[in-house]
Protein backbone atom coordinates (compact mmCIF):
# COMPACT_ATOMS: atom_id res chain seq x y z
CA MET A 1 5.25 -3.50 -24.01
CA GLU A 2 1.84 -4.73 -22.90
CA GLU A 3 -0.23 -4.43 -19.74
CA MET A 4 0.24 -7.29 -17.32
CA GLY A 5 -2.57 -9.57 -16.29
CA PHE A 6 -2.60 -13.28 -15.52
CA LEU A 7 0.69 -14.83 -16.62
CA PRO A 8 0.39 -18.53 -17.50
CA GLY A 9 3.36 -20.62 -16.43
CA CYS A 10 4.41 -18.43 -13.53
CA GLU A 11 3.87 -20.33 -10.28
CA GLU A 12 3.17 -17.22 -8.20
CA ASP A 13 1.15 -14.81 -10.26
CA PRO A 14 0.56 -11.71 -8.15
CA ALA A 15 -1.60 -10.23 -10.86
CA GLY A 16 -4.13 -13.04 -10.89
CA VAL A 17 -7.08 -10.85 -9.90
CA ALA A 18 -9.56 -8.93 -12.02
CA TRP A 19 -9.83 -5.19 -12.33
CA LEU A 20 -12.85 -3.89 -10.48
CA ASN A 21 -16.24 -2.30 -10.91
CA GLN A 22 -17.83 -1.15 -14.11
CA VAL A 23 -19.40 2.01 -12.79
CA GLY A 24 -22.65 3.59 -13.92
CA GLN A 25 -23.65 7.20 -13.58
CA HIS A 26 -25.04 7.81 -10.10
CA ARG A 27 -25.34 10.79 -7.84
CA GLY A 28 -23.27 10.78 -4.68
CA THR A 29 -24.39 10.77 -1.09
CA GLU A 30 -22.54 12.66 1.60
CA ARG A 31 -22.13 12.21 5.30
CA SER A 32 -22.33 15.33 7.45
CA SER A 33 -18.97 16.04 9.04
CA SER A 34 -16.86 18.51 10.89
CA SER A 35 -13.79 19.93 9.18
CA SER A 36 -11.91 19.91 12.48
CA ASP A 37 -11.39 16.13 12.15
CA CYS A 38 -9.70 16.25 8.77
CA PRO A 39 -6.28 17.12 7.31
CA ARG A 40 -5.91 20.41 5.51
CA THR A 41 -6.55 18.98 2.03
CA ALA A 42 -9.97 17.73 3.06
CA LYS A 43 -10.71 20.98 4.90
CA GLN A 44 -10.10 22.86 1.67
CA SER A 45 -12.55 20.59 -0.11
CA LEU A 46 -15.20 21.05 2.55
CA LEU A 47 -14.82 24.81 2.67
CA SER A 48 -14.98 25.16 -1.09
CA GLY A 49 -18.32 23.37 -1.22
CA ARG A 50 -16.99 20.93 -3.86
CA PRO A 51 -18.93 17.63 -4.15
CA LYS A 52 -17.37 14.80 -2.17
CA VAL A 53 -16.98 11.23 -3.40
CA ALA A 54 -19.70 10.04 -5.77
CA PHE A 55 -20.49 6.46 -4.79
CA GLU A 56 -21.62 4.25 -7.63
CA SER A 57 -24.95 3.29 -6.03
CA ILE A 58 -27.02 3.91 -2.94
CA HIS A 59 -26.29 0.31 -1.92
CA VAL A 60 -22.56 0.99 -1.82
CA ILE A 61 -22.81 4.13 0.32
CA GLN A 62 -25.26 2.41 2.69
CA LYS A 63 -22.86 -0.51 3.01
CA TRP A 64 -20.13 1.71 4.44
CA LEU A 65 -22.32 4.13 6.39
CA SER A 66 -23.95 1.21 8.21
CA THR A 67 -20.60 0.04 9.55
CA GLY A 68 -19.35 3.47 10.65
CA THR A 69 -15.74 2.38 10.30
CA THR A 70 -14.09 -0.12 7.95
CA ASP A 71 -10.99 -2.13 8.77
CA PHE A 72 -8.67 -1.45 5.85
CA LEU A 73 -8.07 0.80 2.87
CA GLU A 74 -5.20 0.31 0.41
CA ILE A 75 -3.86 3.41 -1.35
CA PHE A 76 -1.78 3.12 -4.55
CA CYS A 77 -3.21 -0.39 -4.52
CA GLY A 78 -2.19 -1.64 -7.96
CA TRP A 79 -3.73 -5.10 -8.30
CA GLN A 80 -5.20 -4.95 -4.75
CA GLN A 81 -3.47 -8.09 -3.55
CA LEU A 82 -3.32 -6.79 0.02
CA THR A 83 -7.01 -5.88 -0.11
CA TYR A 84 -8.03 -9.37 -1.19
CA ARG A 85 -5.82 -11.11 1.36
CA VAL A 86 -7.03 -8.87 4.17
CA ARG A 87 -10.57 -9.90 3.28
CA GLU A 88 -9.51 -13.54 3.34
CA VAL A 89 -8.52 -13.31 7.02
CA GLY A 90 -12.00 -12.05 7.89
CA LEU A 91 -11.47 -8.29 7.95
CA GLN A 92 -13.57 -5.70 6.13
CA ALA A 93 -11.51 -4.04 3.40
CA ALA A 94 -12.84 -1.31 1.15
CA ASP A 95 -12.00 -1.32 -2.55
CA GLY A 96 -8.53 0.10 -3.11
CA ILE A 97 -7.45 3.50 -4.40
CA ASP A 98 -5.38 3.77 -7.57
CA LEU A 99 -5.18 5.58 -10.90
CA ARG A 100 -6.23 2.49 -12.87
CA VAL A 101 -8.83 1.14 -10.45
CA VAL A 102 -12.41 2.43 -10.48
CA SER A 103 -13.66 2.35 -6.89
CA HIS A 104 -16.16 4.38 -4.87
CA GLY A 105 -17.48 5.86 -8.08
CA ARG A 106 -14.28 7.04 -9.76
CA ALA A 107 -10.64 6.43 -10.66
CA TRP A 108 -8.03 8.09 -8.42
CA PRO A 109 -5.24 10.05 -10.16
CA LEU A 110 -3.59 11.04 -6.87
CA GLY A 111 -1.35 14.09 -7.02
CA ASN A 112 -4.22 16.19 -8.31
CA PRO A 113 -5.30 18.52 -5.44
CA VAL A 114 -9.01 17.87 -6.09
CA VAL A 115 -8.55 14.10 -6.02
CA ASP A 116 -6.31 14.29 -2.95
CA ALA A 117 -8.99 16.30 -1.14
CA GLU A 118 -11.66 13.75 -2.06
CA LEU A 119 -9.46 10.93 -0.76
CA ALA A 120 -8.92 12.86 2.47
CA TRP A 121 -12.69 13.20 2.86
CA LEU A 122 -13.14 9.49 2.16
CA ILE A 123 -10.60 8.58 4.87
CA CYS A 124 -11.77 11.13 7.45
CA PHE A 125 -15.53 10.89 7.04
CA GLY A 126 -16.60 8.37 4.40
CA LEU A 127 -14.88 5.10 5.33
CA ARG A 128 -12.80 6.04 8.39
CA PRO A 129 -10.51 3.00 7.98
CA ARG A 130 -8.89 1.59 11.10
CA ALA A 131 -5.83 0.78 8.99
CA THR A 132 -4.37 2.08 5.74
CA HIS A 133 -1.51 0.96 3.54
CA SER A 134 0.28 3.03 0.91
CA GLY A 135 2.44 1.51 -1.80
CA THR A 136 3.96 4.90 -2.66
CA PRO A 137 4.99 4.93 -6.36
CA CYS A 138 8.77 4.69 -6.60
CA THR A 139 9.37 4.94 -10.36
CA HIS A 140 11.24 8.24 -9.99
CA MET A 141 12.91 7.34 -6.69
CA SER A 142 15.06 4.51 -7.97
CA THR A 143 18.79 4.59 -7.30
CA LEU A 144 19.29 3.25 -10.83
CA GLY A 145 17.12 5.89 -12.48
CA ALA A 146 17.56 9.54 -13.29
CA ARG A 147 16.57 10.61 -9.77
CA ASP A 148 14.71 13.58 -11.20
CA GLN A 149 11.70 13.23 -8.85
CA PRO A 150 9.08 15.32 -10.67
CA GLN A 151 6.33 17.24 -8.90
CA GLU A 152 4.02 14.24 -9.17
CA THR A 153 6.40 12.22 -7.00
CA GLN A 154 6.44 14.99 -4.41
CA GLU A 155 2.64 14.99 -4.33
CA HIS A 156 2.51 11.21 -3.93
CA VAL A 157 4.94 11.26 -1.02
CA THR A 158 3.09 14.15 0.62
CA ILE A 159 -0.31 12.44 0.51
CA ALA A 160 1.20 9.18 1.81
CA LEU A 161 2.80 11.00 4.74
CA GLU A 162 -0.39 12.95 5.49
CA ILE A 163 -2.38 9.72 5.61
CA MET A 164 0.15 8.03 7.88
CA ASP A 165 0.31 11.04 10.19
CA HIS A 166 -3.48 11.31 10.29
CA GLN A 167 -3.93 7.62 11.11
CA GLU A 168 -1.34 7.78 13.88
CA SER A 169 -2.82 10.94 15.39
CA ARG A 170 -6.25 9.28 15.56
CA GLY A 171 -4.94 6.11 17.22
CA PHE A 172 -5.33 4.09 14.02
CA LEU A 173 -2.89 1.96 12.04
CA ALA A 174 -0.89 2.79 8.93
CA SER A 175 1.85 1.25 6.82
CA ASN A 176 3.87 1.98 3.72
CA GLU A 177 6.07 -0.11 1.44
CA ASN A 178 8.90 0.81 -0.90
CA PRO A 179 11.90 -1.02 -2.36
CA GLN A 180 14.91 -1.24 -0.09
CA THR A 181 16.98 0.90 -2.46
CA SER A 182 14.32 3.61 -2.89
CA LEU A 183 15.37 7.23 -2.40
CA LEU A 184 12.18 7.68 -0.36
CA PHE A 185 14.09 6.76 2.79
CA LYS A 186 16.62 9.55 2.20
CA ARG A 187 14.02 12.29 1.87
CA GLU A 188 13.96 14.80 4.72
CA ASP A 189 10.16 15.05 4.79
CA TRP A 190 9.99 11.27 5.18
CA LYS A 191 12.57 11.12 7.95
CA LYS A 192 10.86 13.98 9.77
CA VAL A 193 7.71 11.90 10.19
CA VAL A 194 8.93 8.30 10.58
CA GLY A 195 12.68 8.66 11.10
CA SER A 196 15.51 6.92 9.28
CA LEU A 197 15.88 3.20 8.64
CA CYS A 198 18.42 2.91 11.47
CA ASN A 199 16.62 5.25 13.88
CA PRO A 200 12.84 5.21 13.35
CA ILE A 201 10.68 7.62 15.32
CA TRP A 202 8.44 5.72 17.74
CA PRO A 203 5.89 4.21 17.18
CA TRP A 204 7.08 3.71 13.60
CA SER A 205 9.27 0.73 12.78
CA HIS A 206 10.70 -0.86 9.63
CA ALA A 207 10.51 -4.50 8.51
CA GLU A 208 12.87 -5.66 5.78
CA LEU A 209 11.53 -8.42 3.53
CA CYS A 210 13.45 -10.27 0.84
CA GLY A 211 10.88 -10.91 -1.86
CA CYS A 212 12.42 -14.24 -2.83
CA LEU A 213 11.20 -15.63 0.52
CA ALA A 214 7.67 -14.50 -0.32
CA LYS A 215 7.50 -16.13 -3.78
CA VAL A 216 8.55 -13.16 -5.88
CA LYS A 217 9.50 -15.13 -8.97
CA TYR A 218 10.83 -14.23 -12.39
CA PRO A 219 8.13 -14.41 -15.11
CA GLY A 220 10.50 -14.61 -18.11
CA VAL A 221 10.85 -17.81 -20.12
CA GLU A 222 14.66 -17.86 -19.92
CA ARG A 223 14.66 -18.25 -16.11
CA LEU A 224 11.00 -18.92 -15.38
CA ASN A 225 10.01 -19.06 -11.69
CA GLU A 226 13.52 -18.45 -10.35
CA PRO A 227 13.55 -16.22 -7.23
CA MET A 228 14.02 -12.50 -7.83
CA ARG A 229 16.11 -10.17 -5.69
CA LYS A 230 13.43 -7.78 -4.44
CA GLY A 231 14.21 -6.15 -1.12
CA GLN A 232 11.34 -4.25 0.47
CA ILE A 233 10.98 -1.98 3.48
CA TRP A 234 7.59 -2.11 5.22
CA THR A 235 7.15 0.88 7.52
CA SER A 236 4.32 0.72 10.06
CA ASN A 237 3.10 1.81 13.47
CA PHE A 238 2.11 -1.76 14.33
CA ASP A 239 3.90 -5.09 14.53
CA LEU A 240 5.04 -6.41 11.14
CA ARG A 241 7.89 -8.55 12.45
CA ALA A 242 6.47 -11.60 10.66
CA MET A 243 7.39 -9.88 7.40
CA SER A 244 10.97 -9.23 8.45
CA MET A 245 12.83 -11.97 6.59
CA SER A 246 16.22 -11.90 4.88
CA CYS A 247 17.74 -14.69 2.82
CA GLU A 248 21.29 -13.32 2.83
CA ASN A 249 21.55 -12.00 6.39
CA PRO A 250 19.04 -14.04 8.42
CA ARG A 251 18.58 -13.11 12.07
CA ALA A 252 17.07 -16.39 13.23
CA ALA A 253 18.80 -19.03 11.09
CA LEU A 254 22.19 -20.74 11.34
CA PHE A 255 22.99 -20.29 7.66
CA PRO A 256 21.74 -18.09 4.83
CA THR A 257 19.93 -19.62 1.87
CA ASP A 258 22.00 -20.70 -1.12
CA HIS A 259 19.69 -19.90 -4.02
CA GLU A 260 20.64 -17.53 -6.82
CA HIS A 261 18.62 -14.42 -7.61
CA VAL A 262 17.41 -12.91 -10.85
CA HIS A 263 17.95 -9.16 -10.72
CA VAL A 264 14.97 -6.85 -11.19
CA ARG A 265 15.86 -4.95 -14.33
CA GLY A 266 14.93 -4.60 -17.98
CA SER A 267 12.12 -6.52 -19.63
CA CYS A 268 11.41 -10.17 -20.31
CA LYS A 269 9.36 -12.38 -22.60
CA THR A 270 6.62 -14.45 -20.98
CA VAL A 271 5.37 -17.89 -22.03
CA GLU A 272 2.64 -16.05 -23.97
CA ASN A 273 5.37 -14.44 -26.07
CA LYS A 274 4.60 -11.00 -24.61
CA TRP A 275 7.20 -8.55 -23.34
CA ILE A 276 6.67 -7.01 -19.90
CA SER A 277 8.68 -4.78 -17.55
CA VAL A 278 10.37 -6.86 -14.86
CA ALA A 279 10.38 -3.92 -12.45
CA ALA A 280 6.66 -3.31 -12.90
CA TYR A 281 5.89 -6.99 -12.42
CA SER A 282 8.00 -7.23 -9.26
CA GLY A 283 6.14 -4.26 -7.80
CA MET A 284 2.93 -6.28 -7.50
CA TYR A 285 2.47 -8.03 -4.17
CA THR A 286 2.37 -11.82 -4.15
CA GLY A 287 -0.20 -13.89 -2.32
CA VAL A 288 2.37 -14.76 0.33
CA GLN A 289 3.14 -11.09 1.01
CA GLY A 290 -0.56 -10.32 1.22
CA THR A 291 -1.29 -13.20 3.59
CA LEU A 292 1.58 -12.30 5.90
CA TYR A 293 0.39 -8.71 6.00
CA GLY A 294 -3.24 -9.71 6.55
CA GLN A 295 -2.40 -11.90 9.54
CA CYS A 296 -0.24 -9.18 11.13
CA LEU A 297 -3.00 -6.62 10.58
CA LYS A 298 -5.69 -8.88 12.02
CA LYS A 299 -3.69 -9.31 15.21
CA ALA A 300 -2.93 -5.59 15.49
CA LEU A 301 -6.56 -4.55 14.95
CA VAL A 302 -7.73 -6.51 17.98
CA ASP A 303 -6.71 -3.55 20.16
CA VAL A 304 -8.26 -0.91 17.91
CA ARG A 305 -11.75 -0.58 19.34
CA THR A 306 -12.88 2.97 18.65
CA ARG A 307 -11.58 5.85 16.59
CA GLY A 308 -8.85 7.72 18.39
CA GLY A 309 -7.67 5.25 20.99
CA GLY A 310 -7.56 1.82 22.53
CA ARG A 311 -4.46 0.60 20.71
CA SER A 312 -1.33 -0.80 22.25
CA TYR A 313 1.86 0.00 20.35
CA TYR A 314 4.61 -2.36 19.34
CA GLN A 315 8.01 -0.85 20.09
CA ALA A 316 10.81 -2.32 17.99
CA PRO A 317 13.93 -3.32 19.91
CA LYS A 318 16.87 -0.99 19.48
CA LYS A 319 19.72 -2.22 17.33
CA GLY A 320 23.10 -2.81 18.81
């Protein structure tokens, strides 16, 4: 099984972007800050005197310090498709955070307390993003898997929830995405913060997106470019109704679509004669998903003027 990159022959290649930043050895620069503005993980880092984030060059740190606040930061970003599409709509998006992406001077193996604390510092004092998005890893939260949920999964969920709670408490925006069948939505710690799928806690709401309507297509040669069944739940404290689309139970159409789906399971052979995981491939956002998200975010950020206020909330209509 090989790493996925650009896949020739697939009409919608969500992985058609390059990995980022070959980083040299540079000393970091810190911004003075107060620990009272930061979640407990960042407070621990500040109190311990541990170095904060080491930016790759003085130019990079000056770029962010000169703006004071950036528009968007993507956590568990994968191929950074949301980051690139957010930039396309004219917003300022920092390089994403992920284990396999080198950004802001390092890779980010989240779940490690030291790395989590450095990310907390970056969010609270370094970049201060007006909006964040977390694609919380769901490998061990699949209904088809072993459901073992190791400690690493617990750490990933915890940091995602802390970021969402922090953003909301400061009057900023936050979102999270997971597959529709993920066990994340059954976790008590998750429901305590954002509520259940049927009864979200205001101002959080859930948008259900069928991936086939956003060009999630099968990359295998046997059924190349056929739509895949990839249901997603996008949880946010701002309006993502544009991403709420269902092909089988449409709310605003007379009839459902009649296309067949390829199920997300197993592995497949690409036109390059390489074998890849279908589940891993489907987890990468397509350009359509990124553009929809970027336009929703751009509209929502109009009301976010200063840190800690100035935002009007979207309240989802109650079901029934």
